[in-house]
Amino acid sequence: MAKTRHSKHKRTGHPKISLSTPEKYRLVITYPGDPTTRHFTTSDLAQARTIARRNANTGARVDFQHHQGWGRYTTTRTYQPSD
């Protein structure tokens, strides 16, 4: 039997989680009449504010949340749909 340099078993990959730059802001977007909620996370404050205002102008309720560490978020502002 010939020797091979390839492994005889499948090696599974390990996901890399970056802990140095967590997603600092999360938006929880809910549209009236839609049972699903949409989540958007980013570390860019300007982008988060723009998307929150844009969704509120289209009729959604947006909860703006800040990351507190260890997977906890605190709601700091709520955008109501504009009439």
N, C-alpha and C. Protein backbone atom coordinates (compact mmCIF):
# COMPACT_ATOMS: atom_id res chain seq x y z
N MET A 1 0.84 -1.17 0.00
CA MET A 1 0.00 0.00 0.00
C MET A 1 0.89 1.24 0.00
N ALA A 2 0.56 2.18 -0.85
CA ALA A 2 1.36 3.39 -0.98
C ALA A 2 1.07 4.35 0.16
N LYS A 3 2.10 5.02 0.60
CA LYS A 3 1.92 6.02 1.65
C LYS A 3 1.42 7.32 1.03
N THR A 4 0.60 8.02 1.77
CA THR A 4 0.07 9.28 1.29
C THR A 4 0.28 10.35 2.34
N ARG A 5 0.44 11.55 1.88
CA ARG A 5 0.64 12.65 2.83
C ARG A 5 -0.67 13.29 3.26
N HIS A 6 -1.78 12.84 2.67
CA HIS A 6 -3.08 13.38 3.02
C HIS A 6 -3.64 12.66 4.24
N SER A 7 -4.40 13.40 5.03
CA SER A 7 -4.96 12.80 6.24
C SER A 7 -6.04 11.78 5.87
N LYS A 8 -6.18 10.78 6.70
CA LYS A 8 -7.14 9.72 6.45
C LYS A 8 -8.52 10.03 7.06
N HIS A 9 -8.62 11.11 7.79
CA HIS A 9 -9.89 11.50 8.36
C HIS A 9 -10.14 12.98 8.06
N LYS A 10 -11.40 13.34 8.06
CA LYS A 10 -11.77 14.73 7.74
C LYS A 10 -11.54 15.60 8.96
N ARG A 11 -10.82 16.66 8.77
CA ARG A 11 -10.59 17.62 9.85
C ARG A 11 -11.58 18.76 9.70
N THR A 12 -12.38 18.95 10.71
CA THR A 12 -13.39 20.00 10.64
C THR A 12 -12.75 21.35 10.98
N GLY A 13 -13.25 22.39 10.35
CA GLY A 13 -12.74 23.72 10.61
C GLY A 13 -13.31 24.28 11.90
N HIS A 14 -12.61 25.22 12.45
CA HIS A 14 -13.06 25.87 13.68
C HIS A 14 -13.39 27.32 13.35
N PRO A 15 -14.58 27.77 13.70
CA PRO A 15 -14.93 29.15 13.39
C PRO A 15 -14.09 30.11 14.23
N LYS A 16 -13.69 31.20 13.63
CA LYS A 16 -12.91 32.20 14.34
C LYS A 16 -13.86 33.31 14.79
N ILE A 17 -13.85 33.58 16.05
CA ILE A 17 -14.69 34.63 16.61
C ILE A 17 -13.78 35.77 17.03
N SER A 18 -14.02 36.94 16.46
CA SER A 18 -13.21 38.09 16.80
C SER A 18 -13.78 38.75 18.05
N LEU A 19 -13.01 38.75 19.11
CA LEU A 19 -13.47 39.37 20.35
C LEU A 19 -12.94 40.79 20.50
N SER A 20 -12.02 41.18 19.61
CA SER A 20 -11.42 42.50 19.76
C SER A 20 -12.36 43.61 19.29
N THR A 21 -13.17 43.36 18.26
CA THR A 21 -14.08 44.38 17.76
C THR A 21 -15.49 43.80 17.71
N PRO A 22 -16.21 43.80 18.82
CA PRO A 22 -17.57 43.26 18.80
C PRO A 22 -18.51 44.21 18.08
N GLU A 23 -19.64 43.68 17.71
CA GLU A 23 -20.67 44.52 17.10
C GLU A 23 -21.27 45.37 18.21
N LYS A 24 -21.03 46.67 18.15
CA LYS A 24 -21.39 47.56 19.26
C LYS A 24 -22.85 47.97 19.28
N TYR A 25 -23.49 47.97 18.12
CA TYR A 25 -24.87 48.46 18.04
C TYR A 25 -25.75 47.41 17.38
N ARG A 26 -26.96 47.29 17.88
CA ARG A 26 -27.93 46.36 17.30
C ARG A 26 -29.25 47.08 17.12
N LEU A 27 -29.89 46.84 15.98
CA LEU A 27 -31.20 47.38 15.70
C LEU A 27 -32.19 46.23 15.65
N VAL A 28 -33.28 46.36 16.38
CA VAL A 28 -34.37 45.39 16.33
C VAL A 28 -35.51 46.08 15.61
N ILE A 29 -35.81 45.62 14.41
CA ILE A 29 -36.76 46.29 13.52
C ILE A 29 -38.03 45.45 13.43
N THR A 30 -39.17 46.07 13.74
CA THR A 30 -40.46 45.38 13.64
C THR A 30 -41.41 46.23 12.81
N TYR A 31 -42.06 45.58 11.86
CA TYR A 31 -43.07 46.23 11.03
C TYR A 31 -44.44 45.82 11.53
N PRO A 32 -45.41 46.73 11.53
CA PRO A 32 -46.76 46.37 11.97
C PRO A 32 -47.37 45.34 11.02
N GLY A 33 -47.99 44.33 11.59
CA GLY A 33 -48.61 43.28 10.79
C GLY A 33 -47.66 42.18 10.38
N ASP A 34 -46.37 42.31 10.68
CA ASP A 34 -45.38 41.29 10.34
C ASP A 34 -44.91 40.62 11.63
N PRO A 35 -45.10 39.31 11.78
CA PRO A 35 -44.74 38.66 13.04
C PRO A 35 -43.23 38.51 13.26
N THR A 36 -42.44 38.62 12.20
CA THR A 36 -41.00 38.44 12.36
C THR A 36 -40.32 39.76 12.70
N THR A 37 -39.26 39.68 13.48
CA THR A 37 -38.45 40.86 13.77
C THR A 37 -37.13 40.72 13.04
N ARG A 38 -36.61 41.83 12.60
CA ARG A 38 -35.34 41.84 11.89
C ARG A 38 -34.27 42.39 12.82
N HIS A 39 -33.10 41.79 12.78
CA HIS A 39 -31.98 42.23 13.60
C HIS A 39 -30.86 42.69 12.68
N PHE A 40 -30.27 43.82 13.00
CA PHE A 40 -29.14 44.34 12.25
C PHE A 40 -28.08 44.76 13.25
N THR A 41 -26.86 44.26 13.10
CA THR A 41 -25.77 44.61 14.00
C THR A 41 -24.64 45.23 13.21
N THR A 42 -23.99 46.22 13.82
CA THR A 42 -22.86 46.89 13.20
C THR A 42 -22.01 47.54 14.29
N SER A 43 -20.80 47.87 13.94
CA SER A 43 -19.95 48.61 14.87
C SER A 43 -19.82 50.07 14.46
N ASP A 44 -20.52 50.47 13.40
CA ASP A 44 -20.48 51.85 12.90
C ASP A 44 -21.73 52.59 13.37
N LEU A 45 -21.53 53.61 14.20
CA LEU A 45 -22.65 54.36 14.77
C LEU A 45 -23.42 55.12 13.69
N ALA A 46 -22.73 55.74 12.76
CA ALA A 46 -23.41 56.52 11.72
C ALA A 46 -24.27 55.61 10.84
N GLN A 47 -23.76 54.44 10.52
CA GLN A 47 -24.54 53.50 9.70
C GLN A 47 -25.77 53.02 10.46
N ALA A 48 -25.62 52.75 11.75
CA ALA A 48 -26.75 52.28 12.56
C ALA A 48 -27.83 53.35 12.65
N ARG A 49 -27.45 54.61 12.85
CA ARG A 49 -28.44 55.68 12.92
C ARG A 49 -29.15 55.88 11.59
N THR A 50 -28.40 55.79 10.49
CA THR A 50 -29.00 55.96 9.16
C THR A 50 -30.02 54.88 8.88
N ILE A 51 -29.69 53.65 9.19
CA ILE A 51 -30.60 52.54 8.92
C ILE A 51 -31.81 52.61 9.85
N ALA A 52 -31.61 53.06 11.08
CA ALA A 52 -32.74 53.20 12.00
C ALA A 52 -33.71 54.26 11.50
N ARG A 53 -33.20 55.41 11.07
CA ARG A 53 -34.08 56.46 10.56
C ARG A 53 -34.78 56.04 9.27
N ARG A 54 -34.06 55.36 8.40
CA ARG A 54 -34.63 54.93 7.13
C ARG A 54 -35.77 53.95 7.34
N ASN A 55 -35.60 53.00 8.26
CA ASN A 55 -36.67 52.03 8.53
C ASN A 55 -37.84 52.67 9.26
N ALA A 56 -37.57 53.64 10.13
CA ALA A 56 -38.66 54.32 10.83
C ALA A 56 -39.49 55.15 9.84
N ASN A 57 -38.84 55.71 8.84
CA ASN A 57 -39.57 56.49 7.83
C ASN A 57 -40.44 55.61 6.95
N THR A 58 -40.11 54.33 6.84
CA THR A 58 -40.92 53.42 6.02
C THR A 58 -42.02 52.74 6.84
N GLY A 59 -42.14 53.08 8.13
CA GLY A 59 -43.25 52.58 8.93
C GLY A 59 -42.88 51.53 9.95
N ALA A 60 -41.61 51.36 10.26
CA ALA A 60 -41.19 50.34 11.23
C ALA A 60 -40.91 50.96 12.59
N ARG A 61 -41.01 50.14 13.61
CA ARG A 61 -40.58 50.52 14.96
C ARG A 61 -39.19 49.95 15.16
N VAL A 62 -38.24 50.80 15.52
CA VAL A 62 -36.84 50.38 15.61
C VAL A 62 -36.33 50.62 17.02
N ASP A 63 -35.81 49.58 17.65
CA ASP A 63 -35.16 49.69 18.96
C ASP A 63 -33.66 49.76 18.72
N PHE A 64 -33.04 50.86 19.17
CA PHE A 64 -31.61 51.07 19.03
C PHE A 64 -30.93 50.57 20.30
N GLN A 65 -30.04 49.60 20.19
CA GLN A 65 -29.45 48.98 21.37
C GLN A 65 -27.93 49.08 21.34
N HIS A 66 -27.34 49.26 22.52
CA HIS A 66 -25.89 49.30 22.68
C HIS A 66 -25.42 48.00 23.33
N HIS A 67 -24.27 47.52 22.89
CA HIS A 67 -23.71 46.29 23.42
C HIS A 67 -23.10 46.56 24.80
N GLN A 68 -23.45 45.74 25.78
CA GLN A 68 -22.95 45.91 27.14
C GLN A 68 -21.88 44.87 27.51
N GLY A 69 -21.66 43.91 26.64
CA GLY A 69 -20.70 42.85 26.93
C GLY A 69 -21.38 41.55 27.26
N TRP A 70 -20.74 40.46 26.92
CA TRP A 70 -21.23 39.11 27.21
C TRP A 70 -22.60 38.85 26.60
N GLY A 71 -22.85 39.40 25.42
CA GLY A 71 -24.10 39.12 24.73
C GLY A 71 -25.30 39.90 25.23
N ARG A 72 -25.07 40.91 26.07
CA ARG A 72 -26.17 41.71 26.60
C ARG A 72 -26.25 43.03 25.86
N TYR A 73 -27.47 43.44 25.55
CA TYR A 73 -27.72 44.72 24.88
C TYR A 73 -28.71 45.53 25.71
N THR A 74 -28.53 46.85 25.70
CA THR A 74 -29.42 47.75 26.40
C THR A 74 -30.07 48.69 25.39
N THR A 75 -31.39 48.80 25.42
CA THR A 75 -32.10 49.69 24.51
C THR A 75 -31.92 51.12 24.99
N THR A 76 -31.35 51.96 24.12
CA THR A 76 -31.09 53.34 24.49
C THR A 76 -32.08 54.31 23.82
N ARG A 77 -32.62 53.91 22.67
CA ARG A 77 -33.56 54.78 21.98
C ARG A 77 -34.52 53.93 21.17
N THR A 78 -35.75 54.41 21.03
CA THR A 78 -36.75 53.73 20.20
C THR A 78 -37.25 54.73 19.16
N TYR A 79 -37.11 54.35 17.91
CA TYR A 79 -37.62 55.15 16.79
C TYR A 79 -39.03 54.68 16.47
N GLN A 80 -39.98 55.61 16.49
CA GLN A 80 -41.35 55.29 16.15
C GLN A 80 -41.59 55.60 14.68
N PRO A 81 -42.53 54.92 14.04
CA PRO A 81 -42.82 55.21 12.64
C PRO A 81 -43.33 56.64 12.48
N SER A 82 -42.84 57.31 11.45
CA SER A 82 -43.31 58.66 11.18
C SER A 82 -44.58 58.61 10.33
N ASP A 83 -45.51 59.45 10.65
CA ASP A 83 -46.80 59.45 9.95
C ASP A 83 -46.73 60.23 8.67
